[in-house]
Protein backbone atom coordinates (compact mmCIF):
# COMPACT_ATOMS: atom_id res chain seq x y z
CA MET A 1 -83.95 59.87 -201.40
CA GLU A 2 -81.33 57.13 -201.26
CA ASN A 3 -78.01 57.74 -202.98
CA THR A 4 -75.44 55.15 -203.99
CA LEU A 5 -72.36 57.06 -202.90
CA LYS A 6 -69.53 54.81 -203.91
CA LYS A 7 -68.58 54.56 -207.56
CA PRO A 8 -67.48 51.04 -208.57
CA GLU A 9 -63.70 50.79 -208.90
CA ILE A 10 -61.94 49.19 -211.85
CA PHE A 11 -58.27 48.18 -211.77
CA ILE A 12 -56.41 47.94 -215.10
CA LEU A 13 -53.24 45.88 -215.37
CA ASP A 14 -51.67 46.54 -218.77
CA ASP A 15 -48.06 47.19 -219.77
CA SER A 16 -49.14 49.95 -222.19
CA PHE A 17 -49.54 53.45 -220.73
CA GLU A 18 -51.38 54.51 -223.88
CA HIS A 19 -53.88 51.70 -223.57
CA ILE A 20 -54.45 52.44 -219.86
CA HIS A 21 -55.03 56.12 -220.64
CA PHE A 22 -57.39 55.24 -223.50
CA ILE A 23 -59.59 52.94 -221.36
CA SER A 24 -59.43 54.75 -218.01
CA GLY A 25 -60.56 58.11 -219.40
CA PHE A 26 -63.64 56.51 -220.98
CA LEU A 27 -64.52 54.56 -217.81
CA ARG A 28 -64.16 57.67 -215.62
CA ASP A 29 -66.49 59.53 -217.97
CA ASN A 30 -69.01 56.75 -217.32
CA ASN A 31 -68.98 57.07 -213.53
CA TYR A 32 -66.27 54.55 -212.62
CA CYS A 33 -63.20 55.06 -210.46
CA VAL A 34 -60.05 53.68 -212.07
CA ARG A 35 -56.66 52.58 -210.78
CA ALA A 36 -53.92 51.08 -212.91
CA ALA A 37 -50.52 49.41 -212.93
CA THR A 38 -48.11 48.32 -215.65
CA ASN A 39 -46.54 45.39 -213.78
CA ALA A 40 -47.60 42.60 -211.41
CA LYS A 41 -45.61 43.90 -208.42
CA HIS A 42 -47.38 47.25 -208.28
CA PHE A 43 -50.69 45.57 -209.09
CA PHE A 44 -50.58 43.22 -206.08
CA GLU A 45 -49.28 45.96 -203.76
CA ASN A 46 -52.28 48.11 -204.67
CA ILE A 47 -55.07 45.55 -204.50
CA SER A 48 -53.83 44.11 -201.18
CA LYS A 49 -54.51 47.52 -199.60
CA SER A 50 -57.89 48.00 -201.24
CA PRO A 51 -59.44 45.35 -203.51
CA PRO A 52 -61.27 46.79 -206.56
CA ASP A 53 -64.71 45.79 -207.83
CA LEU A 54 -63.41 44.48 -211.16
CA ILE A 55 -60.07 43.83 -212.85
CA LEU A 56 -59.20 44.37 -216.52
CA LEU A 57 -56.22 42.09 -217.04
CA ASP A 58 -53.94 42.06 -220.08
CA ILE A 59 -52.88 38.53 -220.98
CA MET A 60 -49.62 39.40 -222.75
CA LEU A 61 -47.48 40.90 -219.98
CA PRO A 62 -43.67 40.92 -220.12
CA VAL A 63 -42.95 38.95 -216.91
CA ASN A 64 -46.00 37.21 -215.44
CA ASP A 65 -48.73 36.60 -218.01
CA GLY A 66 -52.37 37.37 -217.21
CA PHE A 67 -53.25 33.71 -216.62
CA THR A 68 -50.57 33.35 -213.92
CA ILE A 69 -51.79 36.51 -212.20
CA CYS A 70 -55.42 35.36 -212.39
CA ARG A 71 -54.50 32.05 -210.72
CA GLN A 72 -52.87 33.97 -207.86
CA LEU A 73 -55.99 36.13 -207.47
CA LYS A 74 -58.29 33.12 -207.30
CA LYS A 75 -56.17 31.43 -204.59
CA ASP A 76 -56.44 34.43 -202.25
CA GLU A 77 -59.55 34.69 -200.04
CA GLU A 78 -59.47 38.48 -200.28
CA THR A 79 -59.44 38.61 -204.09
CA LYS A 80 -60.92 35.33 -205.33
CA ASP A 81 -64.40 36.81 -205.90
CA ILE A 82 -63.26 39.87 -207.87
CA PRO A 83 -64.45 39.48 -211.49
CA VAL A 84 -61.65 39.41 -214.07
CA ILE A 85 -62.06 40.45 -217.70
CA PHE A 86 -59.10 39.47 -219.89
CA LEU A 87 -57.77 41.84 -222.54
CA THR A 88 -56.14 40.05 -225.46
CA SER A 89 -54.86 40.85 -228.93
CA VAL A 90 -54.72 37.17 -229.95
CA GLU A 91 -57.71 35.09 -231.02
CA ASP A 92 -56.91 31.67 -229.65
CA LYS A 93 -59.62 29.16 -228.72
CA LYS A 94 -57.30 27.23 -226.40
CA SER A 95 -56.33 30.39 -224.46
CA THR A 96 -59.97 31.45 -224.22
CA ILE A 97 -60.95 28.09 -222.69
CA GLU A 98 -57.99 28.27 -220.28
CA GLY A 99 -58.98 31.75 -219.18
CA PHE A 100 -62.52 30.67 -218.32
CA GLU A 101 -61.28 27.53 -216.56
CA ILE A 102 -59.03 29.47 -214.18
CA GLY A 103 -61.82 31.87 -213.20
CA GLY A 104 -61.96 34.69 -215.75
CA GLN A 105 -65.44 36.11 -216.35
CA ASP A 106 -65.04 37.51 -219.87
CA TYR A 107 -62.74 38.32 -222.79
CA ILE A 108 -62.38 41.56 -224.73
CA GLN A 109 -60.44 41.69 -227.97
CA LYS A 110 -57.80 44.36 -228.62
CA PRO A 111 -58.01 46.94 -230.05
CA VAL A 112 -60.79 47.55 -227.55
CA ASP A 113 -64.19 48.78 -228.66
CA LEU A 114 -64.98 51.11 -225.75
CA HIS A 115 -68.75 50.66 -225.97
CA ILE A 116 -68.46 46.87 -225.87
CA LEU A 117 -66.03 47.22 -222.96
CA LEU A 118 -68.49 49.42 -221.05
CA ALA A 119 -71.39 47.02 -221.64
CA ARG A 120 -69.39 44.05 -220.35
CA VAL A 121 -68.00 45.97 -217.37
CA ASN A 122 -71.53 47.10 -216.46
CA THR A 123 -72.78 43.50 -216.67
CA GLN A 124 -70.02 42.14 -214.41
CA ILE A 125 -70.44 44.93 -211.86
CA LYS A 126 -74.20 44.31 -211.65
CA LEU A 127 -73.62 40.57 -211.23
CA LYS A 128 -71.08 41.21 -208.47
CA GLN A 129 -73.43 43.57 -206.64
CA LYS A 130 -76.29 41.06 -206.82
CA THR A 131 -74.00 38.26 -205.61
CA GLU A 132 -72.88 40.38 -202.64
CA LYS A 133 -76.49 41.14 -201.73
CA LEU A 134 -77.34 37.43 -201.87
CA LYS A 135 -74.36 36.61 -199.64
CA GLU A 136 -75.41 39.31 -197.19
CA ALA A 137 -78.98 37.98 -197.14
CA TYR A 138 -77.68 34.45 -196.55
CA ASN A 139 -75.49 35.66 -193.68
CA ASP A 140 -78.47 37.47 -192.18
CA ILE A 141 -80.47 34.23 -192.27
CA GLU A 142 -77.59 32.33 -190.68
CA ASN A 143 -77.27 34.96 -187.95
CA PHE A 144 -81.01 34.94 -187.34
CA ASN A 145 -80.99 31.14 -187.01
CA HIS A 146 -78.10 31.37 -184.56
CA MET A 147 -79.96 33.97 -182.52
CA VAL A 148 -83.15 31.90 -182.38
CA CYS A 149 -81.37 28.61 -181.64
CA HIS A 150 -78.91 29.90 -179.07
CA ASP A 151 -79.31 33.46 -177.78
CA LEU A 152 -83.12 33.61 -177.64
CA LYS A 153 -83.64 29.97 -176.66
CA SER A 154 -81.91 30.38 -173.31
CA PRO A 155 -84.12 33.14 -171.79
CA LEU A 156 -87.28 31.56 -173.24
CA TRP A 157 -86.53 28.20 -171.64
CA SER A 158 -85.80 29.96 -168.34
CA ILE A 159 -89.15 31.74 -168.56
CA LYS A 160 -90.90 28.43 -169.26
CA THR A 161 -89.17 26.64 -166.35
CA LEU A 162 -89.78 29.43 -163.84
CA SER A 163 -93.43 29.72 -164.89
CA GLU A 164 -93.96 25.97 -164.40
CA VAL A 165 -92.38 26.03 -160.94
CA ILE A 166 -94.47 29.01 -159.84
CA CYS A 167 -97.70 27.43 -161.15
CA GLU A 168 -97.05 23.98 -159.66
CA ASP A 169 -95.66 25.03 -156.25
CA PHE A 170 -97.29 28.43 -155.73
CA VAL A 171 -98.85 27.47 -152.37
CA LYS A 172 -95.67 25.81 -151.08
CA LEU A 173 -93.41 28.75 -151.93
CA THR A 174 -92.69 31.45 -149.39
CA ASP A 175 -93.34 35.10 -150.24
CA ASN A 176 -89.61 35.69 -150.61
CA ASP A 177 -89.25 32.72 -152.96
CA ARG A 178 -92.15 33.94 -155.08
CA MET A 179 -90.73 37.46 -155.34
CA GLU A 180 -87.28 36.15 -156.19
CA MET A 181 -88.65 33.89 -158.94
CA LEU A 182 -90.86 36.66 -160.32
CA ASP A 183 -87.82 38.96 -160.46
CA ASP A 184 -85.92 36.25 -162.37
CA LEU A 185 -88.90 35.84 -164.68
CA LYS A 186 -89.00 39.57 -165.38
CA GLU A 187 -85.24 39.68 -166.02
CA LYS A 188 -85.38 36.82 -168.52
CA ALA A 189 -88.38 38.34 -170.30
CA GLU A 190 -86.51 41.67 -170.61
CA GLU A 191 -83.45 39.83 -171.96
CA ALA A 192 -85.57 38.16 -174.65
CA ALA A 193 -87.26 41.47 -175.51
CA ILE A 194 -83.88 43.22 -175.92
CA LEU A 195 -82.66 40.48 -178.27
CA ILE A 196 -85.78 40.78 -180.40
CA ASP A 197 -85.57 44.60 -180.43
CA LYS A 198 -81.94 44.50 -181.57
CA LEU A 199 -82.73 42.01 -184.30
CA SER A 200 -85.60 44.23 -185.44
CA GLU A 201 -83.27 47.25 -185.43
CA ILE A 202 -80.72 45.44 -187.60
CA SER A 203 -83.44 44.34 -190.03
CA LYS A 204 -84.83 47.88 -190.24
CA ILE A 205 -81.44 49.33 -191.22
CA SER A 206 -81.40 47.14 -194.34
CA SER A 207 -84.74 48.53 -195.53
CA ASP A 208 -84.30 52.18 -194.50
CA VAL A 209 -83.85 54.83 -197.19
CA LEU A 210 -80.77 56.99 -196.68
CA ASN A 211 -81.17 60.74 -196.24
CA ILE A 212 -77.79 61.94 -197.52
CA GLU A 213 -76.52 65.32 -196.36
CA LYS A 214 -73.27 67.05 -195.46
CA VAL A 215 -72.28 65.97 -191.95
CA ASP A 216 -69.86 67.60 -189.50
CA LEU A 217 -68.05 64.69 -187.82
CA ASN A 218 -66.51 66.95 -185.15
CA LYS A 219 -69.98 67.88 -183.89
CA LEU A 220 -71.35 64.33 -184.04
CA PHE A 221 -68.39 62.86 -182.14
CA GLY A 222 -68.60 65.67 -179.58
CA LYS A 223 -72.34 65.25 -178.94
CA SER A 224 -72.10 61.44 -178.75
CA PHE A 225 -69.22 61.70 -176.29
CA GLU A 226 -71.15 64.14 -174.07
CA LEU A 227 -74.07 61.70 -174.00
CA LEU A 228 -71.78 58.83 -172.98
CA LEU A 229 -70.14 60.84 -170.20
CA GLU A 230 -73.49 61.14 -168.41
CA SER A 231 -73.35 57.42 -167.59
CA VAL A 232 -69.65 57.35 -166.56
CA LYS A 233 -69.25 60.53 -164.51
CA ASP A 234 -66.83 58.91 -162.06
CA ARG A 235 -64.20 58.15 -164.72
CA LYS A 236 -61.44 60.21 -166.31
CA ILE A 237 -62.01 60.00 -170.07
CA GLU A 238 -60.54 62.24 -172.76
CA LEU A 239 -61.70 62.49 -176.38
CA LYS A 240 -59.21 63.99 -178.83
CA LEU A 241 -60.60 65.09 -182.20
CA ASN A 242 -58.02 65.86 -184.89
CA ASN A 243 -59.86 68.29 -187.22
CA LEU A 244 -62.17 65.72 -188.77
CA ASP A 245 -63.35 65.98 -192.37
CA MET A 246 -66.90 66.71 -193.44
CA VAL A 247 -68.64 63.68 -194.99
CA TYR A 248 -71.80 62.99 -196.97
CA ALA A 249 -73.98 60.53 -195.07
CA ASP A 250 -77.25 59.91 -193.29
CA LYS A 251 -76.75 62.01 -190.17
CA ILE A 252 -78.97 59.94 -187.88
CA LEU A 253 -77.44 56.60 -188.87
CA ILE A 254 -73.83 57.83 -188.77
CA LYS A 255 -74.49 59.28 -185.31
CA GLN A 256 -75.50 55.78 -184.24
CA VAL A 257 -72.26 54.39 -185.70
CA ILE A 258 -70.22 56.96 -183.78
CA TYR A 259 -72.09 56.39 -180.51
CA ASN A 260 -71.67 52.59 -180.72
CA ILE A 261 -67.94 52.82 -181.49
CA LEU A 262 -67.31 55.34 -178.69
CA SER A 263 -69.46 53.28 -176.32
CA ASN A 264 -67.26 50.21 -176.96
CA ALA A 265 -64.10 52.28 -176.45
CA VAL A 266 -65.43 53.55 -173.09
CA LYS A 267 -66.72 50.12 -172.04
CA PHE A 268 -63.55 48.15 -172.77
CA SER A 269 -61.24 50.68 -171.12
CA LYS A 270 -63.14 50.81 -167.82
CA ASN A 271 -60.24 49.19 -165.93
CA ASN A 272 -57.86 52.00 -166.96
CA LYS A 273 -57.07 54.87 -164.60
CA GLU A 274 -57.40 57.17 -167.58
CA THR A 275 -59.12 56.51 -170.89
CA LEU A 276 -57.91 58.22 -174.04
CA ILE A 277 -59.89 58.05 -177.28
CA SER A 278 -58.32 59.63 -180.35
CA VAL A 279 -60.20 60.26 -183.59
CA SER A 280 -58.63 61.27 -186.90
CA SER A 281 -59.64 61.32 -190.55
CA PHE A 282 -57.99 61.60 -193.95
CA ASN A 283 -58.81 61.18 -197.62
CA GLU A 284 -57.48 58.19 -199.51
CA ARG A 285 -58.36 57.90 -203.19
CA ASN A 286 -62.17 57.99 -203.35
CA GLU A 287 -62.87 57.55 -199.63
CA VAL A 288 -62.77 59.39 -196.31
CA LEU A 289 -61.20 57.18 -193.63
CA ILE A 290 -62.18 57.80 -189.99
CA LYS A 291 -60.01 56.14 -187.32
CA VAL A 292 -61.08 55.77 -183.68
CA LYS A 293 -58.29 54.55 -181.39
CA ASP A 294 -58.57 53.73 -177.67
CA ASN A 295 -56.22 52.48 -174.95
CA GLY A 296 -58.61 49.79 -173.70
CA GLN A 297 -58.33 46.07 -173.09
CA GLY A 298 -58.00 45.07 -176.74
CA PHE A 299 -58.27 41.49 -178.01
CA SER A 300 -56.40 38.91 -180.06
CA MET A 301 -56.78 39.42 -183.81
CA LYS A 302 -57.45 35.69 -184.25
CA TYR A 303 -61.03 36.52 -183.21
CA ALA A 304 -61.38 39.45 -185.61
CA LYS A 305 -63.65 37.64 -188.08
CA LYS A 306 -66.26 37.08 -185.34
CA LEU A 307 -66.52 40.74 -184.36
CA PHE A 308 -69.37 41.73 -186.65
CA ASN A 309 -71.46 38.58 -186.14
CA ILE A 310 -74.77 39.25 -184.48
CA PHE A 311 -74.76 38.84 -180.66
CA GLN A 312 -71.09 37.80 -180.74
CA ARG A 313 -69.11 38.69 -177.62
CA LEU A 314 -65.36 38.24 -177.24
CA HIS A 315 -65.14 39.24 -173.60
CA SER A 316 -66.61 37.79 -170.43
CA ASP A 317 -69.78 38.92 -168.62
CA GLU A 318 -67.63 41.52 -166.86
CA TYR A 319 -68.71 43.86 -169.68
CA ASP A 320 -72.35 44.76 -170.22
CA GLY A 321 -74.15 44.31 -173.52
CA ILE A 322 -75.37 41.57 -175.84
CA GLY A 323 -72.91 41.98 -178.70
CA ALA A 324 -75.15 43.62 -181.30
CA GLY A 325 -73.45 47.04 -181.46
CA LEU A 326 -70.82 46.23 -184.09
CA THR A 327 -73.32 44.32 -186.21
CA ILE A 328 -75.46 47.46 -186.36
CA VAL A 329 -72.39 49.58 -187.14
CA LYS A 330 -71.35 47.34 -190.03
CA LYS A 331 -74.89 47.30 -191.46
CA ILE A 332 -75.02 51.10 -191.46
CA ILE A 333 -71.56 51.49 -193.04
CA GLN A 334 -72.41 48.95 -195.75
CA LYS A 335 -75.68 50.79 -196.35
CA HIS A 336 -73.50 53.82 -197.19
CA SER A 337 -71.40 51.71 -199.61
CA GLY A 338 -68.54 52.01 -197.14
CA ARG A 339 -66.12 49.66 -195.37
CA ILE A 340 -65.17 48.99 -191.75
CA TRP A 341 -62.37 47.02 -190.10
CA ILE A 342 -60.78 46.69 -186.67
CA GLU A 343 -57.19 46.25 -185.51
CA SER A 344 -56.36 45.40 -181.92
CA GLU A 345 -53.78 43.97 -179.55
CA GLU A 346 -54.44 42.52 -176.12
CA ASP A 347 -53.85 45.08 -173.33
CA LYS A 348 -52.82 47.73 -175.88
CA GLY A 349 -56.12 49.01 -177.18
CA THR A 350 -58.20 48.90 -180.33
CA GLU A 351 -58.46 50.96 -183.51
CA VAL A 352 -61.72 50.99 -185.47
CA THR A 353 -61.56 52.37 -189.02
CA PHE A 354 -64.56 53.06 -191.18
CA ALA A 355 -64.45 54.43 -194.71
CA LEU A 356 -67.17 56.43 -196.43
CA PRO A 357 -67.28 57.30 -200.13
CA LEU A 358 -65.81 60.71 -200.93
CA ARG A 359 -68.08 63.20 -202.68
CA GLU A 360 -67.56 66.77 -203.78
């Protein structure tokens, strides 16, 4: 049975502690996580670290009013799509129109009727979730088109060309030439088959039902590392596990995440005399964060946005693979209602962090 692990998170910006307490307690009772701030400075510091799913924004604030703050939110790529519901104690048609024009999704009159608040919050959260699914589906279509037009087109054209040459000049070709061309034909066919298999694997993840259970990350990292070592026996590689937390997840899928991340760490540190991979975890608010750091080649962060695109490779052909591993990882983490990001520096290694919802 599939479980939606992550509770939607609401952020309240209101200068009244009493009002925050009044609303937040009710929302928590209705299965929402809540964060709050009483001023713009603390508000922006908090959401820059972890954007919420929805913002309840008081219009009448002592320094920056709610409209000014909303404008700032809508200018930032990281926060522009977060729905904003204004809280106001003044009935003013002009202000209402202004609020909608600058990107607010709804208004709630103070004193707040908690049941009306809940109904409107539920509506905005559902709309946001549907919008995110549509965006994800659109990105999948774009990635599929890219794969067909570029990645798959190349081996298929090679197969076509080689087949034509063999058919037209079969008698003229020497035995060695025939064998060489047949080997090339086989290699290109295998390349096309791998691309199709990976695409199928990514598509399957989206439709799979999660089997959520308690998972021991120490064991999964250990077993995945042992499996990797079988293919790199001539290298000195150390895995350091720092008492990892237990998580609730689909064991099979999370094992695939761990294997792919460790595989990248091993692959992109192959030029090192010694490879060190360090894994740690800690709880932060309603998530478990798992960090995997290596001392490999690293990359420039200007390419970071491309990392999770299907069949995207940042390094040369010196490194094996077709660039689908991180796409699969991201799909699995998103399937768990989690997050993943990567930080790196050229010649100084890479740190992959993925976050899974925290459950008791």
